[in-house]
Amino acid sequence: MKKRGRLVEYLLITSVLWGMYLSVLLPWMHYIIQMSDEQLWLWIWQGTILEMIVAYPIGKIVLKVGPKIKKYCESL
């Protein structure tokens, strides 16, 4: 795969996973945990860095193993 294709794939996978992560945890942290604004922005910044490192390998594994799991479950 070309470098440009890998970059697009990386950006798509990380942005989808990060979006799902934030859609659940951001309201939780802000309204229920009631973090201060400074803590919330620090948490978002650190989470973004961590997500950029962790999300791509997890996304690739899910895309690779997902169809095999589906096929196995359908055969039961």
PDB file of N, CA and C in Angstrom:
ATOM      1  N   MET A   1       0.851  -1.175   0.000  1.00  0.00           N
ATOM      2  CA  MET A   1       0.000   0.000   0.000  1.00  0.00           C
ATOM      3  C   MET A   1       0.898   1.240   0.000  1.00  0.00           C
ATOM      4  N   LYS A   2       0.493   2.246  -0.729  1.00  0.00           N
ATOM      5  CA  LYS A   2       1.277   3.471  -0.811  1.00  0.00           C
ATOM      6  C   LYS A   2       1.231   4.232   0.503  1.00  0.00           C
ATOM      7  N   LYS A   3       2.204   5.109   0.681  1.00  0.00           N
ATOM      8  CA  LYS A   3       2.278   5.893   1.920  1.00  0.00           C
ATOM      9  C   LYS A   3       1.043   6.760   2.110  1.00  0.00           C
ATOM     10  N   ARG A   4       0.554   7.328   1.030  1.00  0.00           N
ATOM     11  CA  ARG A   4      -0.629   8.185   1.135  1.00  0.00           C
ATOM     12  C   ARG A   4      -1.851   7.371   1.575  1.00  0.00           C
ATOM     13  N   GLY A   5      -1.986   6.178   1.023  1.00  0.00           N
ATOM     14  CA  GLY A   5      -3.088   5.299   1.404  1.00  0.00           C
ATOM     15  C   GLY A   5      -3.008   4.892   2.864  1.00  0.00           C
ATOM     16  N   ARG A   6      -1.795   4.607   3.335  1.00  0.00           N
ATOM     17  CA  ARG A   6      -1.616   4.250   4.743  1.00  0.00           C
ATOM     18  C   ARG A   6      -1.944   5.428   5.654  1.00  0.00           C
ATOM     19  N   LEU A   7      -1.567   6.619   5.234  1.00  0.00           N
ATOM     20  CA  LEU A   7      -1.860   7.804   6.039  1.00  0.00           C
ATOM     21  C   LEU A   7      -3.367   8.044   6.125  1.00  0.00           C
ATOM     22  N   VAL A   8      -4.054   7.908   5.004  1.00  0.00           N
ATOM     23  CA  VAL A   8      -5.508   8.083   5.002  1.00  0.00           C
ATOM     24  C   VAL A   8      -6.165   7.019   5.872  1.00  0.00           C
ATOM     25  N   GLU A   9      -5.697   5.777   5.746  1.00  0.00           N
ATOM     26  CA  GLU A   9      -6.233   4.689   6.570  1.00  0.00           C
ATOM     27  C   GLU A   9      -6.007   4.971   8.054  1.00  0.00           C
ATOM     28  N   TYR A  10      -4.810   5.420   8.398  1.00  0.00           N
ATOM     29  CA  TYR A  10      -4.492   5.757   9.787  1.00  0.00           C
ATOM     30  C   TYR A  10      -5.416   6.847  10.316  1.00  0.00           C
ATOM     31  N   LEU A  11      -5.595   7.900   9.534  1.00  0.00           N
ATOM     32  CA  LEU A  11      -6.445   9.010   9.964  1.00  0.00           C
ATOM     33  C   LEU A  11      -7.906   8.590  10.104  1.00  0.00           C
ATOM     34  N   LEU A  12      -8.387   7.758   9.202  1.00  0.00           N
ATOM     35  CA  LEU A  12      -9.775   7.293   9.290  1.00  0.00           C
ATOM     36  C   LEU A  12     -10.001   6.420  10.520  1.00  0.00           C
ATOM     37  N   ILE A  13      -9.120   5.460  10.728  1.00  0.00           N
ATOM     38  CA  ILE A  13      -9.286   4.549  11.865  1.00  0.00           C
ATOM     39  C   ILE A  13      -9.181   5.300  13.180  1.00  0.00           C
ATOM     40  N   THR A  14      -8.161   6.135  13.333  1.00  0.00           N
ATOM     41  CA  THR A  14      -7.991   6.835  14.606  1.00  0.00           C
ATOM     42  C   THR A  14      -9.107   7.842  14.847  1.00  0.00           C
ATOM     43  N   SER A  15      -9.566   8.513  13.795  1.00  0.00           N
ATOM     44  CA  SER A  15     -10.621   9.508  14.018  1.00  0.00           C
ATOM     45  C   SER A  15     -11.947   8.849  14.377  1.00  0.00           C
ATOM     46  N   VAL A  16     -12.264   7.714  13.775  1.00  0.00           N
ATOM     47  CA  VAL A  16     -13.513   7.018  14.116  1.00  0.00           C
ATOM     48  C   VAL A  16     -13.463   6.514  15.555  1.00  0.00           C
ATOM     49  N   LEU A  17     -12.367   5.869  15.927  1.00  0.00           N
ATOM     50  CA  LEU A  17     -12.257   5.359  17.297  1.00  0.00           C
ATOM     51  C   LEU A  17     -12.226   6.496  18.312  1.00  0.00           C
ATOM     52  N   TRP A  18     -11.527   7.566  17.992  1.00  0.00           N
ATOM     53  CA  TRP A  18     -11.451   8.705  18.915  1.00  0.00           C
ATOM     54  C   TRP A  18     -12.806   9.384  19.045  1.00  0.00           C
ATOM     55  N   GLY A  19     -13.544   9.462  17.942  1.00  0.00           N
ATOM     56  CA  GLY A  19     -14.882  10.050  17.990  1.00  0.00           C
ATOM     57  C   GLY A  19     -15.833   9.242  18.857  1.00  0.00           C
ATOM     58  N   MET A  20     -15.782   7.920  18.737  1.00  0.00           N
ATOM     59  CA  MET A  20     -16.626   7.070  19.582  1.00  0.00           C
ATOM     60  C   MET A  20     -16.235   7.216  21.049  1.00  0.00           C
ATOM     61  N   TYR A  21     -14.954   7.254  21.295  1.00  0.00           N
ATOM     62  CA  TYR A  21     -14.434   7.388  22.654  1.00  0.00           C
ATOM     63  C   TYR A  21     -14.901   8.704  23.280  1.00  0.00           C
ATOM     64  N   LEU A  22     -14.761   9.792  22.548  1.00  0.00           N
ATOM     65  CA  LEU A  22     -15.145  11.102  23.079  1.00  0.00           C
ATOM     66  C   LEU A  22     -16.650  11.261  23.227  1.00  0.00           C
ATOM     67  N   SER A  23     -17.417  10.668  22.323  1.00  0.00           N
ATOM     68  CA  SER A  23     -18.868  10.831  22.401  1.00  0.00           C
ATOM     69  C   SER A  23     -19.445  10.232  23.675  1.00  0.00           C
ATOM     70  N   VAL A  24     -18.778   9.256  24.239  1.00  0.00           N
ATOM     71  CA  VAL A  24     -19.236   8.644  25.486  1.00  0.00           C
ATOM     72  C   VAL A  24     -18.582   9.295  26.695  1.00  0.00           C
ATOM     73  N   LEU A  25     -17.269   9.427  26.653  1.00  0.00           N
ATOM     74  CA  LEU A  25     -16.550   9.853  27.852  1.00  0.00           C
ATOM     75  C   LEU A  25     -16.546  11.351  28.105  1.00  0.00           C
ATOM     76  N   LEU A  26     -16.645  12.156  27.069  1.00  0.00           N
ATOM     77  CA  LEU A  26     -16.614  13.601  27.281  1.00  0.00           C
ATOM     78  C   LEU A  26     -17.797  14.090  28.111  1.00  0.00           C
ATOM     79  N   PRO A  27     -19.032  13.725  27.763  1.00  0.00           N
ATOM     80  CA  PRO A  27     -20.144  14.137  28.639  1.00  0.00           C
ATOM     81  C   PRO A  27     -20.033  13.529  30.039  1.00  0.00           C
ATOM     82  N   TRP A  28     -19.570  12.295  30.107  1.00  0.00           N
ATOM     83  CA  TRP A  28     -19.416  11.635  31.403  1.00  0.00           C
ATOM     84  C   TRP A  28     -18.450  12.423  32.291  1.00  0.00           C
ATOM     85  N   MET A  29     -17.295  12.752  31.768  1.00  0.00           N
ATOM     86  CA  MET A  29     -16.284  13.460  32.557  1.00  0.00           C
ATOM     87  C   MET A  29     -16.736  14.870  32.915  1.00  0.00           C
ATOM     88  N   HIS A  30     -17.437  15.523  32.009  1.00  0.00           N
ATOM     89  CA  HIS A  30     -17.808  16.914  32.246  1.00  0.00           C
ATOM     90  C   HIS A  30     -18.995  17.049  33.197  1.00  0.00           C
ATOM     91  N   TYR A  31     -20.039  16.254  32.986  1.00  0.00           N
ATOM     92  CA  TYR A  31     -21.270  16.438  33.761  1.00  0.00           C
ATOM     93  C   TYR A  31     -21.364  15.549  34.998  1.00  0.00           C
ATOM     94  N   ILE A  32     -20.886  14.330  34.915  1.00  0.00           N
ATOM     95  CA  ILE A  32     -21.040  13.415  36.045  1.00  0.00           C
ATOM     96  C   ILE A  32     -19.826  13.467  36.966  1.00  0.00           C
ATOM     97  N   ILE A  33     -18.636  13.366  36.416  1.00  0.00           N
ATOM     98  CA  ILE A  33     -17.421  13.458  37.231  1.00  0.00           C
ATOM     99  C   ILE A  33     -17.162  14.905  37.635  1.00  0.00           C
ATOM    100  N   GLN A  34     -17.597  15.843  36.826  1.00  0.00           N
ATOM    101  CA  GLN A  34     -17.462  17.284  37.050  1.00  0.00           C
ATOM    102  C   GLN A  34     -16.001  17.718  37.204  1.00  0.00           C
ATOM    103  N   MET A  35     -15.238  17.426  36.165  1.00  0.00           N
ATOM    104  CA  MET A  35     -13.852  17.884  36.115  1.00  0.00           C
ATOM    105  C   MET A  35     -13.831  19.391  35.904  1.00  0.00           C
ATOM    106  N   SER A  36     -12.800  20.023  36.418  1.00  0.00           N
ATOM    107  CA  SER A  36     -12.624  21.446  36.136  1.00  0.00           C
ATOM    108  C   SER A  36     -12.208  21.598  34.671  1.00  0.00           C
ATOM    109  N   ASP A  37     -12.330  22.802  34.148  1.00  0.00           N
ATOM    110  CA  ASP A  37     -11.989  23.025  32.738  1.00  0.00           C
ATOM    111  C   ASP A  37     -10.536  22.677  32.445  1.00  0.00           C
ATOM    112  N   GLU A  38      -9.647  23.053  33.345  1.00  0.00           N
ATOM    113  CA  GLU A  38      -8.225  22.767  33.137  1.00  0.00           C
ATOM    114  C   GLU A  38      -7.969  21.263  33.124  1.00  0.00           C
ATOM    115  N   GLN A  39      -8.572  20.539  34.047  1.00  0.00           N
ATOM    116  CA  GLN A  39      -8.417  19.084  34.086  1.00  0.00           C
ATOM    117  C   GLN A  39      -9.003  18.441  32.832  1.00  0.00           C
ATOM    118  N   LEU A  40     -10.145  18.943  32.385  1.00  0.00           N
ATOM    119  CA  LEU A  40     -10.804  18.379  31.213  1.00  0.00           C
ATOM    120  C   LEU A  40      -9.942  18.557  29.966  1.00  0.00           C
ATOM    121  N   TRP A  41      -9.393  19.748  29.763  1.00  0.00           N
ATOM    122  CA  TRP A  41      -8.544  19.978  28.593  1.00  0.00           C
ATOM    123  C   TRP A  41      -7.268  19.157  28.657  1.00  0.00           C
ATOM    124  N   LEU A  42      -6.691  19.002  29.838  1.00  0.00           N
ATOM    125  CA  LEU A  42      -5.503  18.165  29.991  1.00  0.00           C
ATOM    126  C   LEU A  42      -5.848  16.711  29.684  1.00  0.00           C
ATOM    127  N   TRP A  43      -6.990  16.249  30.165  1.00  0.00           N
ATOM    128  CA  TRP A  43      -7.435  14.879  29.909  1.00  0.00           C
ATOM    129  C   TRP A  43      -7.660  14.654  28.411  1.00  0.00           C
ATOM    130  N   ILE A  44      -8.264  15.628  27.736  1.00  0.00           N
ATOM    131  CA  ILE A  44      -8.496  15.504  26.294  1.00  0.00           C
ATOM    132  C   ILE A  44      -7.168  15.475  25.541  1.00  0.00           C
ATOM    133  N   TRP A  45      -6.234  16.346  25.909  1.00  0.00           N
ATOM    134  CA  TRP A  45      -4.937  16.405  25.228  1.00  0.00           C
ATOM    135  C   TRP A  45      -4.165  15.100  25.410  1.00  0.00           C
ATOM    136  N   GLN A  46      -4.079  14.618  26.647  1.00  0.00           N
ATOM    137  CA  GLN A  46      -3.356  13.375  26.903  1.00  0.00           C
ATOM    138  C   GLN A  46      -4.056  12.189  26.246  1.00  0.00           C
ATOM    139  N   GLY A  47      -5.385  12.192  26.258  1.00  0.00           N
ATOM    140  CA  GLY A  47      -6.140  11.126  25.603  1.00  0.00           C
ATOM    141  C   GLY A  47      -5.931  11.112  24.104  1.00  0.00           C
ATOM    142  N   THR A  48      -5.805  12.287  23.504  1.00  0.00           N
ATOM    143  CA  THR A  48      -5.564  12.372  22.066  1.00  0.00           C
ATOM    144  C   THR A  48      -4.219  11.765  21.709  1.00  0.00           C
ATOM    145  N   ILE A  49      -3.192  12.098  22.465  1.00  0.00           N
ATOM    146  CA  ILE A  49      -1.861  11.535  22.215  1.00  0.00           C
ATOM    147  C   ILE A  49      -1.897  10.017  22.366  1.00  0.00           C
ATOM    148  N   LEU A  50      -2.496   9.536  23.443  1.00  0.00           N
ATOM    149  CA  LEU A  50      -2.585   8.097  23.679  1.00  0.00           C
ATOM    150  C   LEU A  50      -3.398   7.413  22.584  1.00  0.00           C
ATOM    151  N   GLU A  51      -4.489   8.025  22.188  1.00  0.00           N
ATOM    152  CA  GLU A  51      -5.357   7.443  21.158  1.00  0.00           C
ATOM    153  C   GLU A  51      -4.633   7.345  19.820  1.00  0.00           C
ATOM    154  N   MET A  52      -3.805   8.323  19.497  1.00  0.00           N
ATOM    155  CA  MET A  52      -3.068   8.290  18.237  1.00  0.00           C
ATOM    156  C   MET A  52      -2.083   7.128  18.209  1.00  0.00           C
ATOM    157  N   ILE A  53      -1.590   6.729  19.372  1.00  0.00           N
ATOM    158  CA  ILE A  53      -0.639   5.623  19.455  1.00  0.00           C
ATOM    159  C   ILE A  53      -1.364   4.280  19.490  1.00  0.00           C
ATOM    160  N   VAL A  54      -2.471   4.193  20.205  1.00  0.00           N
ATOM    161  CA  VAL A  54      -3.126   2.916  20.482  1.00  0.00           C
ATOM    162  C   VAL A  54      -4.223   2.560  19.480  1.00  0.00           C
ATOM    163  N   ALA A  55      -4.946   3.531  18.966  1.00  0.00           N
ATOM    164  CA  ALA A  55      -6.148   3.252  18.170  1.00  0.00           C
ATOM    165  C   ALA A  55      -5.852   2.550  16.854  1.00  0.00           C
ATOM    166  N   TYR A  56      -4.786   2.906  16.184  1.00  0.00           N
ATOM    167  CA  TYR A  56      -4.515   2.318  14.873  1.00  0.00           C
ATOM    168  C   TYR A  56      -4.273   0.812  14.954  1.00  0.00           C
ATOM    169  N   PRO A  57      -3.384   0.341  15.842  1.00  0.00           N
ATOM    170  CA  PRO A  57      -3.198  -1.117  15.917  1.00  0.00           C
ATOM    171  C   PRO A  57      -4.474  -1.859  16.317  1.00  0.00           C
ATOM    172  N   ILE A  58      -5.232  -1.299  17.244  1.00  0.00           N
ATOM    173  CA  ILE A  58      -6.481  -1.945  17.659  1.00  0.00           C
ATOM    174  C   ILE A  58      -7.470  -1.973  16.496  1.00  0.00           C
ATOM    175  N   GLY A  59      -7.570  -0.866  15.773  1.00  0.00           N
ATOM    176  CA  GLY A  59      -8.466  -0.813  14.618  1.00  0.00           C
ATOM    177  C   GLY A  59      -8.086  -1.812  13.541  1.00  0.00           C
ATOM    178  N   LYS A  60      -6.801  -1.951  13.274  1.00  0.00           N
ATOM    179  CA  LYS A  60      -6.340  -2.912  12.273  1.00  0.00           C
ATOM    180  C   LYS A  60      -6.656  -4.342  12.702  1.00  0.00           C
ATOM    181  N   ILE A  61      -6.479  -4.641  13.975  1.00  0.00           N
ATOM    182  CA  ILE A  61      -6.787  -5.983  14.473  1.00  0.00           C
ATOM    183  C   ILE A  61      -8.279  -6.266  14.339  1.00  0.00           C
ATOM    184  N   VAL A  62      -9.098  -5.291  14.701  1.00  0.00           N
ATOM    185  CA  VAL A  62     -10.553  -5.473  14.599  1.00  0.00           C
ATOM    186  C   VAL A  62     -10.966  -5.689  13.147  1.00  0.00           C
ATOM    187  N   LEU A  63     -10.398  -4.922  12.227  1.00  0.00           N
ATOM    188  CA  LEU A  63     -10.746  -5.080  10.815  1.00  0.00           C
ATOM    189  C   LEU A  63     -10.287  -6.427  10.261  1.00  0.00           C
ATOM    190  N   LYS A  64      -9.175  -6.940  10.779  1.00  0.00           N
ATOM    191  CA  LYS A  64      -8.644  -8.207  10.292  1.00  0.00           C
ATOM    192  C   LYS A  64      -9.375  -9.407  10.899  1.00  0.00           C
ATOM    193  N   VAL A  65      -9.670  -9.348  12.187  1.00  0.00           N
ATOM    194  CA  VAL A  65     -10.251 -10.480  12.899  1.00  0.00           C
ATOM    195  C   VAL A  65     -11.777 -10.467  12.844  1.00  0.00           C
ATOM    196  N   GLY A  66     -12.380  -9.300  12.663  1.00  0.00           N
ATOM    197  CA  GLY A  66     -13.834  -9.166  12.676  1.00  0.00           C
ATOM    198  C   GLY A  66     -14.568 -10.119  11.745  1.00  0.00           C
ATOM    199  N   PRO A  67     -14.200 -10.187  10.462  1.00  0.00           N
ATOM    200  CA  PRO A  67     -14.896 -11.112   9.562  1.00  0.00           C
ATOM    201  C   PRO A  67     -14.746 -12.580   9.974  1.00  0.00           C
ATOM    202  N   LYS A  68     -13.601 -12.939  10.533  1.00  0.00           N
ATOM    203  CA  LYS A  68     -13.399 -14.319  10.982  1.00  0.00           C
ATOM    204  C   LYS A  68     -14.318 -14.639  12.156  1.00  0.00           C
ATOM    205  N   ILE A  69     -14.474 -13.699  13.065  1.00  0.00           N
ATOM    206  CA  ILE A  69     -15.365 -13.904  14.206  1.00  0.00           C
ATOM    207  C   ILE A  69     -16.809 -14.012  13.722  1.00  0.00           C
ATOM    208  N   LYS A  70     -17.180 -13.163  12.778  1.00  0.00           N
ATOM    209  CA  LYS A  70     -18.543 -13.199  12.241  1.00  0.00           C
ATOM    210  C   LYS A  70     -18.818 -14.537  11.562  1.00  0.00           C
ATOM    211  N   LYS A  71     -17.865 -15.006  10.770  1.00  0.00           N
ATOM    212  CA  LYS A  71     -18.026 -16.287  10.083  1.00  0.00           C
ATOM    213  C   LYS A  71     -18.149 -17.426  11.098  1.00  0.00           C
ATOM    214  N   TYR A  72     -17.347 -17.386  12.146  1.00  0.00           N
ATOM    215  CA  TYR A  72     -17.404 -18.415  13.185  1.00  0.00           C
ATOM    216  C   TYR A  72     -18.760 -18.403  13.893  1.00  0.00           C
ATOM    217  N   CYS A  73     -19.256 -17.227  14.224  1.00  0.00           N
ATOM    218  CA  CYS A  73     -20.541 -17.119  14.925  1.00  0.00           C
ATOM    219  C   CYS A  73     -21.705 -17.582  14.048  1.00  0.00           C
ATOM    220  N   GLU A  74     -21.621 -17.317  12.756  1.00  0.00           N
ATOM    221  CA  GLU A  74     -22.679 -17.758  11.849  1.00  0.00           C
ATOM    222  C   GLU A  74     -22.686 -19.269  11.679  1.00  0.00           C
ATOM    223  N   SER A  75     -21.533 -19.909  11.840  1.00  0.00           N
ATOM    224  CA  SER A  75     -21.455 -21.362  11.668  1.00  0.00           C
ATOM    225  C   SER A  75     -21.963 -22.123  12.890  1.00  0.00           C
ATOM    226  N   LEU A  76     -22.172 -21.436  13.997  1.00  0.00           N
ATOM    227  CA  LEU A  76     -22.639 -22.123  15.212  1.00  0.00           C
ATOM    228  C   LEU A  76     -24.071 -22.519  15.135  1.00  0.00           C
TER     229      LEU A  76
END
